[in-house]
Amino acid sequence: LLLLPGLGADADLFGPQAEAFPGLRVPTWIPPRPGESLHAYGERLAAAVDLPREGPYVLGGFSFGGQVAQAMLPHLARKPALLLLLCGVRGRHQYTPAFVWQERLARPIPAIVQKALYGAYAAAFARRDGLDAPLASRLRRMASRIDPAFLAWSAGACARWPGPGDGCGVPVWHLHGERDAVIPDTRREATHRLAGAGHLITW
């Protein structure tokens, strides 16, 4: 099981899954090139990821990570048995106006200022998703580890993403929280909807 985290997240996002699936691996992001598209990045990451040498495997991602997984698919030497989208993005129609404006407004803000705001944003996010105190604290710690340069690139690449492209015939499981206000499942494309859940379904 290979899972890619979302915007501003890291392997800690999959803590419960790591306990349930000892073979889970979270590939390390490679540095993006200036102005690089998500499809170009996915091609390079596909070449860099150490795939299982034998047997079936599942490739998946949470939110932005699901977009990258879709960009990787055409370029993988061994195709996965399943593509797993966790609160995944199927197309630009799922972008909310708030996401579009946040990405645009953040561009001119210096990185040091952005990093100072991550903790407050994580706290607000935790309240909106109804996280308890330990998980809210965990989210703030994860936010403190964000690389502003990578977040700026990934948010921009995410916003410019034209769509999934060639799925290579790989079956898709798409799990989505029915109350996800960050990436709403506007067209009910998810194969599995989690009742009462918001965006952070891995927790």
C-alpha atoms as a PDB file:
ATOM      1  CA  LEU A   1       0.000   0.000   0.000  1.00  0.00           C
ATOM      2  CA  LEU A   2       1.561   3.273  -1.190  1.00  0.00           C
ATOM      3  CA  LEU A   3      -0.178   6.459  -0.011  1.00  0.00           C
ATOM      4  CA  LEU A   4       0.623  10.097  -0.784  1.00  0.00           C
ATOM      5  CA  PRO A   5      -0.396  12.823   1.712  1.00  0.00           C
ATOM      6  CA  GLY A   6      -2.320  16.009   0.944  1.00  0.00           C
ATOM      7  CA  LEU A   7      -1.443  19.702   0.895  1.00  0.00           C
ATOM      8  CA  GLY A   8       0.558  20.662   3.958  1.00  0.00           C
ATOM      9  CA  ALA A   9       0.489  17.091   5.292  1.00  0.00           C
ATOM     10  CA  ASP A  10       3.046  14.336   5.752  1.00  0.00           C
ATOM     11  CA  ALA A  11       3.184  10.656   6.712  1.00  0.00           C
ATOM     12  CA  ASP A  12       1.621  11.418  10.110  1.00  0.00           C
ATOM     13  CA  LEU A  13      -1.686  11.839   8.263  1.00  0.00           C
ATOM     14  CA  PHE A  14      -1.708   8.053   7.825  1.00  0.00           C
ATOM     15  CA  GLY A  15      -0.879   7.103  11.423  1.00  0.00           C
ATOM     16  CA  PRO A  16      -3.984   4.916  11.934  1.00  0.00           C
ATOM     17  CA  GLN A  17      -3.502   3.281   8.545  1.00  0.00           C
ATOM     18  CA  ALA A  18       0.152   2.491   9.328  1.00  0.00           C
ATOM     19  CA  GLU A  19      -1.003   0.620  12.434  1.00  0.00           C
ATOM     20  CA  ALA A  20      -3.628  -1.321  10.470  1.00  0.00           C
ATOM     21  CA  PHE A  21      -1.400  -2.073   7.454  1.00  0.00           C
ATOM     22  CA  PRO A  22       2.218  -2.808   8.458  1.00  0.00           C
ATOM     23  CA  GLY A  23       3.271  -2.804   4.793  1.00  0.00           C
ATOM     24  CA  LEU A  24       2.113   0.783   4.240  1.00  0.00           C
ATOM     25  CA  ARG A  25       4.697   3.093   2.681  1.00  0.00           C
ATOM     26  CA  VAL A  26       4.457   6.867   2.241  1.00  0.00           C
ATOM     27  CA  PRO A  27       6.857   7.913  -0.557  1.00  0.00           C
ATOM     28  CA  THR A  28       8.944  11.007   0.047  1.00  0.00           C
ATOM     29  CA  TRP A  29       8.105  14.019  -2.105  1.00  0.00           C
ATOM     30  CA  ILE A  30      10.812  14.976  -4.593  1.00  0.00           C
ATOM     31  CA  PRO A  31      11.668  18.683  -5.003  1.00  0.00           C
ATOM     32  CA  PRO A  32       9.498  20.273  -7.716  1.00  0.00           C
ATOM     33  CA  ARG A  33      10.983  22.235 -10.591  1.00  0.00           C
ATOM     34  CA  PRO A  34       9.990  25.902 -11.033  1.00  0.00           C
ATOM     35  CA  GLY A  35       6.632  26.125 -12.768  1.00  0.00           C
ATOM     36  CA  GLU A  36       6.386  22.343 -13.070  1.00  0.00           C
ATOM     37  CA  SER A  37       2.938  20.931 -13.863  1.00  0.00           C
ATOM     38  CA  LEU A  38       1.355  18.211 -11.791  1.00  0.00           C
ATOM     39  CA  HIS A  39       1.536  15.780 -14.724  1.00  0.00           C
ATOM     40  CA  ALA A  40       5.272  16.444 -15.211  1.00  0.00           C
ATOM     41  CA  TYR A  41       5.877  16.074 -11.478  1.00  0.00           C
ATOM     42  CA  GLY A  42       3.895  12.819 -11.442  1.00  0.00           C
ATOM     43  CA  GLU A  43       6.065  11.449 -14.236  1.00  0.00           C
ATOM     44  CA  ARG A  44       9.264  12.193 -12.301  1.00  0.00           C
ATOM     45  CA  LEU A  45       7.862  10.845  -9.035  1.00  0.00           C
ATOM     46  CA  ALA A  46       6.766   7.638 -10.792  1.00  0.00           C
ATOM     47  CA  ALA A  47      10.391   7.076 -11.826  1.00  0.00           C
ATOM     48  CA  ALA A  48      11.678   7.812  -8.317  1.00  0.00           C
ATOM     49  CA  VAL A  49       9.276   5.671  -6.267  1.00  0.00           C
ATOM     50  CA  ASP A  50      10.506   2.243  -5.236  1.00  0.00           C
ATOM     51  CA  LEU A  51       7.650  -0.046  -6.310  1.00  0.00           C
ATOM     52  CA  PRO A  52       7.109  -3.529  -4.898  1.00  0.00           C
ATOM     53  CA  ARG A  53       9.030  -5.991  -7.055  1.00  0.00           C
ATOM     54  CA  GLU A  54       6.303  -8.627  -7.107  1.00  0.00           C
ATOM     55  CA  GLY A  55       2.681  -9.130  -6.182  1.00  0.00           C
ATOM     56  CA  PRO A  56      -0.198  -6.661  -6.375  1.00  0.00           C
ATOM     57  CA  TYR A  57      -0.074  -3.276  -4.707  1.00  0.00           C
ATOM     58  CA  VAL A  58      -2.422  -0.346  -4.156  1.00  0.00           C
ATOM     59  CA  LEU A  59      -1.513   3.237  -5.017  1.00  0.00           C
ATOM     60  CA  GLY A  60      -3.476   6.000  -3.374  1.00  0.00           C
ATOM     61  CA  GLY A  61      -3.469   9.481  -2.042  1.00  0.00           C
ATOM     62  CA  PHE A  62      -5.300  11.881   0.192  1.00  0.00           C
ATOM     63  CA  SER A  63      -6.762  14.973  -1.519  1.00  0.00           C
ATOM     64  CA  PHE A  64      -3.776  16.536  -3.366  1.00  0.00           C
ATOM     65  CA  GLY A  65      -1.941  13.214  -3.000  1.00  0.00           C
ATOM     66  CA  GLY A  66      -4.712  11.585  -5.004  1.00  0.00           C
ATOM     67  CA  GLN A  67      -4.123  14.051  -7.820  1.00  0.00           C
ATOM     68  CA  VAL A  68      -0.428  13.187  -7.843  1.00  0.00           C
ATOM     69  CA  ALA A  69      -1.256   9.466  -7.821  1.00  0.00           C
ATOM     70  CA  GLN A  70      -3.437   9.974 -10.900  1.00  0.00           C
ATOM     71  CA  ALA A  71      -0.604  11.883 -12.593  1.00  0.00           C
ATOM     72  CA  MET A  72       1.802   9.022 -11.821  1.00  0.00           C
ATOM     73  CA  LEU A  73      -0.370   6.228 -13.218  1.00  0.00           C
ATOM     74  CA  PRO A  74       0.543   6.431 -16.937  1.00  0.00           C
ATOM     75  CA  HIS A  75       4.261   6.408 -16.099  1.00  0.00           C
ATOM     76  CA  LEU A  76       4.518   3.519 -13.626  1.00  0.00           C
ATOM     77  CA  ALA A  77       6.551   0.514 -14.752  1.00  0.00           C
ATOM     78  CA  ARG A  78       4.166  -1.742 -12.823  1.00  0.00           C
ATOM     79  CA  LYS A  79       0.544  -0.641 -12.620  1.00  0.00           C
ATOM     80  CA  PRO A  80      -1.251  -0.930  -9.278  1.00  0.00           C
ATOM     81  CA  ALA A  81      -4.148  -3.314  -8.779  1.00  0.00           C
ATOM     82  CA  LEU A  82      -6.222  -0.418  -7.452  1.00  0.00           C
ATOM     83  CA  LEU A  83      -6.175   3.380  -7.270  1.00  0.00           C
ATOM     84  CA  LEU A  84      -7.395   4.586  -3.866  1.00  0.00           C
ATOM     85  CA  LEU A  85      -8.619   8.198  -3.620  1.00  0.00           C
ATOM     86  CA  LEU A  86      -9.186   9.487  -0.091  1.00  0.00           C
ATOM     87  CA  CYS A  87     -11.275  12.666  -0.317  1.00  0.00           C
ATOM     88  CA  GLY A  88      -9.942  12.708  -3.854  1.00  0.00           C
ATOM     89  CA  VAL A  89     -10.266  15.244  -6.615  1.00  0.00           C
ATOM     90  CA  ARG A  90     -11.884  13.971  -9.824  1.00  0.00           C
ATOM     91  CA  GLY A  91     -11.722  17.320 -11.627  1.00  0.00           C
ATOM     92  CA  ARG A  92     -11.683  21.100 -11.357  1.00  0.00           C
ATOM     93  CA  HIS A  93     -15.419  21.139 -10.655  1.00  0.00           C
ATOM     94  CA  GLN A  94     -14.626  20.148  -7.058  1.00  0.00           C
ATOM     95  CA  TYR A  95     -12.585  23.276  -6.323  1.00  0.00           C
ATOM     96  CA  THR A  96     -14.447  25.639  -4.027  1.00  0.00           C
ATOM     97  CA  PRO A  97     -14.205  29.438  -4.530  1.00  0.00           C
ATOM     98  CA  ALA A  98     -12.504  29.622  -1.130  1.00  0.00           C
ATOM     99  CA  PHE A  99      -9.679  27.317  -2.273  1.00  0.00           C
ATOM    100  CA  VAL A 100      -9.161  29.292  -5.495  1.00  0.00           C
ATOM    101  CA  TRP A 101      -8.974  32.619  -3.655  1.00  0.00           C
ATOM    102  CA  GLN A 102      -6.726  31.293  -0.884  1.00  0.00           C
ATOM    103  CA  GLU A 103      -4.251  30.017  -3.476  1.00  0.00           C
ATOM    104  CA  ARG A 104      -4.238  33.355  -5.331  1.00  0.00           C
ATOM    105  CA  LEU A 105      -4.003  35.527  -2.230  1.00  0.00           C
ATOM    106  CA  ALA A 106      -1.144  33.480  -0.763  1.00  0.00           C
ATOM    107  CA  ARG A 107       1.160  33.964  -3.766  1.00  0.00           C
ATOM    108  CA  PRO A 108       2.584  37.408  -2.835  1.00  0.00           C
ATOM    109  CA  ILE A 109       2.837  36.700   0.911  1.00  0.00           C
ATOM    110  CA  PRO A 110       6.443  36.108   2.071  1.00  0.00           C
ATOM    111  CA  ALA A 111       7.199  32.553   3.162  1.00  0.00           C
ATOM    112  CA  ILE A 112       8.113  33.587   6.710  1.00  0.00           C
ATOM    113  CA  VAL A 113       4.692  35.229   7.120  1.00  0.00           C
ATOM    114  CA  GLN A 114       2.897  32.240   5.638  1.00  0.00           C
ATOM    115  CA  LYS A 115       4.668  29.851   8.015  1.00  0.00           C
ATOM    116  CA  ALA A 116       3.598  31.985  10.993  1.00  0.00           C
ATOM    117  CA  LEU A 117      -0.034  31.531   9.929  1.00  0.00           C
ATOM    118  CA  TYR A 118       0.029  27.753   9.541  1.00  0.00           C
ATOM    119  CA  GLY A 119      -0.651  27.035  13.218  1.00  0.00           C
ATOM    120  CA  ALA A 120      -3.725  29.267  13.343  1.00  0.00           C
ATOM    121  CA  TYR A 121      -5.034  27.788  10.100  1.00  0.00           C
ATOM    122  CA  ALA A 122      -4.519  24.243  11.430  1.00  0.00           C
ATOM    123  CA  ALA A 123      -6.418  25.117  14.612  1.00  0.00           C
ATOM    124  CA  ALA A 124      -9.329  26.510  12.579  1.00  0.00           C
ATOM    125  CA  PHE A 125      -9.256  23.437  10.336  1.00  0.00           C
ATOM    126  CA  ALA A 126      -9.368  21.154  13.380  1.00  0.00           C
ATOM    127  CA  ARG A 127     -12.418  22.965  14.765  1.00  0.00           C
ATOM    128  CA  ARG A 128     -14.226  22.775  11.431  1.00  0.00           C
ATOM    129  CA  ASP A 129     -13.573  19.020  11.127  1.00  0.00           C
ATOM    130  CA  GLY A 130     -14.532  18.385  14.753  1.00  0.00           C
ATOM    131  CA  LEU A 131     -11.164  16.937  15.816  1.00  0.00           C
ATOM    132  CA  ASP A 132     -10.628  16.239  19.501  1.00  0.00           C
ATOM    133  CA  ALA A 133      -7.808  17.956  21.407  1.00  0.00           C
ATOM    134  CA  PRO A 134      -5.088  15.309  20.800  1.00  0.00           C
ATOM    135  CA  LEU A 135      -5.781  15.225  17.053  1.00  0.00           C
ATOM    136  CA  ALA A 136      -5.968  19.020  16.873  1.00  0.00           C
ATOM    137  CA  SER A 137      -2.544  19.184  18.544  1.00  0.00           C
ATOM    138  CA  ARG A 138      -1.250  16.575  16.099  1.00  0.00           C
ATOM    139  CA  LEU A 139      -2.513  18.671  13.179  1.00  0.00           C
ATOM    140  CA  ARG A 140      -0.757  21.788  14.504  1.00  0.00           C
ATOM    141  CA  ARG A 141       2.515  19.843  14.852  1.00  0.00           C
ATOM    142  CA  MET A 142       2.175  18.650  11.273  1.00  0.00           C
ATOM    143  CA  ALA A 143       1.549  22.236  10.163  1.00  0.00           C
ATOM    144  CA  SER A 144       4.763  23.344  11.907  1.00  0.00           C
ATOM    145  CA  ARG A 145       6.738  21.023   9.620  1.00  0.00           C
ATOM    146  CA  ILE A 146       5.350  22.468   6.358  1.00  0.00           C
ATOM    147  CA  ASP A 147       7.874  23.667   3.784  1.00  0.00           C
ATOM    148  CA  PRO A 148       6.382  26.959   2.484  1.00  0.00           C
ATOM    149  CA  ALA A 149       8.104  26.598  -0.902  1.00  0.00           C
ATOM    150  CA  PHE A 150       6.681  23.112  -1.489  1.00  0.00           C
ATOM    151  CA  LEU A 151       3.239  24.169  -0.279  1.00  0.00           C
ATOM    152  CA  ALA A 152       3.237  27.173  -2.613  1.00  0.00           C
ATOM    153  CA  TRP A 153       4.209  25.014  -5.596  1.00  0.00           C
ATOM    154  CA  SER A 154       1.768  22.204  -4.767  1.00  0.00           C
ATOM    155  CA  ALA A 155      -1.174  24.569  -4.217  1.00  0.00           C
ATOM    156  CA  GLY A 156      -0.470  26.284  -7.541  1.00  0.00           C
ATOM    157  CA  ALA A 157       0.009  23.006  -9.411  1.00  0.00           C
ATOM    158  CA  CYS A 158      -3.153  21.657  -7.821  1.00  0.00           C
ATOM    159  CA  ALA A 159      -5.136  24.735  -8.937  1.00  0.00           C
ATOM    160  CA  ARG A 160      -3.820  24.443 -12.520  1.00  0.00           C
ATOM    161  CA  TRP A 161      -4.438  20.676 -12.775  1.00  0.00           C
ATOM    162  CA  PRO A 162      -6.445  20.022 -15.961  1.00  0.00           C
ATOM    163  CA  GLY A 163      -7.873  16.686 -14.828  1.00  0.00           C
ATOM    164  CA  PRO A 164      -6.923  13.041 -14.351  1.00  0.00           C
ATOM    165  CA  GLY A 165      -6.183  12.103 -17.972  1.00  0.00           C
ATOM    166  CA  ASP A 166      -5.545   8.435 -18.750  1.00  0.00           C
ATOM    167  CA  GLY A 167      -6.545   6.138 -15.905  1.00  0.00           C
ATOM    168  CA  CYS A 168      -4.832   3.184 -17.633  1.00  0.00           C
ATOM    169  CA  GLY A 169      -7.793   0.943 -16.906  1.00  0.00           C
ATOM    170  CA  VAL A 170      -6.978   0.732 -13.180  1.00  0.00           C
ATOM    171  CA  PRO A 171     -10.049   0.279 -10.920  1.00  0.00           C
ATOM    172  CA  VAL A 172     -10.753   3.209  -8.585  1.00  0.00           C
ATOM    173  CA  TRP A 173     -12.026   3.213  -5.010  1.00  0.00           C
ATOM    174  CA  HIS A 174     -12.955   6.734  -3.993  1.00  0.00           C
ATOM    175  CA  LEU A 175     -13.714   7.299  -0.294  1.00  0.00           C
ATOM    176  CA  HIS A 176     -15.199  10.679   0.589  1.00  0.00           C
ATOM    177  CA  GLY A 177     -16.644  12.306   3.703  1.00  0.00           C
ATOM    178  CA  GLU A 178     -20.229  13.358   3.042  1.00  0.00           C
ATOM    179  CA  ARG A 179     -19.637  16.639   4.924  1.00  0.00           C
ATOM    180  CA  ASP A 180     -16.316  17.456   3.218  1.00  0.00           C
ATOM    181  CA  ALA A 181     -16.393  21.237   2.728  1.00  0.00           C
ATOM    182  CA  VAL A 182     -12.781  21.454   1.508  1.00  0.00           C
ATOM    183  CA  ILE A 183     -13.133  19.202  -1.547  1.00  0.00           C
ATOM    184  CA  PRO A 184     -16.881  18.514  -1.771  1.00  0.00           C
ATOM    185  CA  ASP A 185     -18.077  15.555  -3.789  1.00  0.00           C
ATOM    186  CA  THR A 186     -20.388  17.808  -5.818  1.00  0.00           C
ATOM    187  CA  ARG A 187     -21.337  15.196  -8.415  1.00  0.00           C
ATOM    188  CA  ARG A 188     -21.457  12.239  -6.002  1.00  0.00           C
ATOM    189  CA  GLU A 189     -18.599  10.525  -7.837  1.00  0.00           C
ATOM    190  CA  ALA A 190     -17.255   8.748  -4.753  1.00  0.00           C
ATOM    191  CA  THR A 191     -17.668   4.987  -4.680  1.00  0.00           C
ATOM    192  CA  HIS A 192     -17.881   5.074  -0.860  1.00  0.00           C
ATOM    193  CA  ARG A 193     -19.338   7.998   1.152  1.00  0.00           C
ATOM    194  CA  LEU A 194     -18.576   8.152   4.883  1.00  0.00           C
ATOM    195  CA  ALA A 195     -21.614   9.341   6.825  1.00  0.00           C
ATOM    196  CA  GLY A 196     -21.004  12.374   9.012  1.00  0.00           C
ATOM    197  CA  ALA A 197     -17.324  12.651   8.023  1.00  0.00           C
ATOM    198  CA  GLY A 198     -15.535  15.825   6.971  1.00  0.00           C
ATOM    199  CA  HIS A 199     -12.254  16.142   5.077  1.00  0.00           C
ATOM    200  CA  LEU A 200      -9.757  14.403   7.380  1.00  0.00           C
ATOM    201  CA  ILE A 201     -11.191  10.910   7.007  1.00  0.00           C
ATOM    202  CA  THR A 202      -7.851   9.193   7.698  1.00  0.00           C
ATOM    203  CA  TRP A 203      -8.166  10.352  11.325  1.00  0.00           C
END
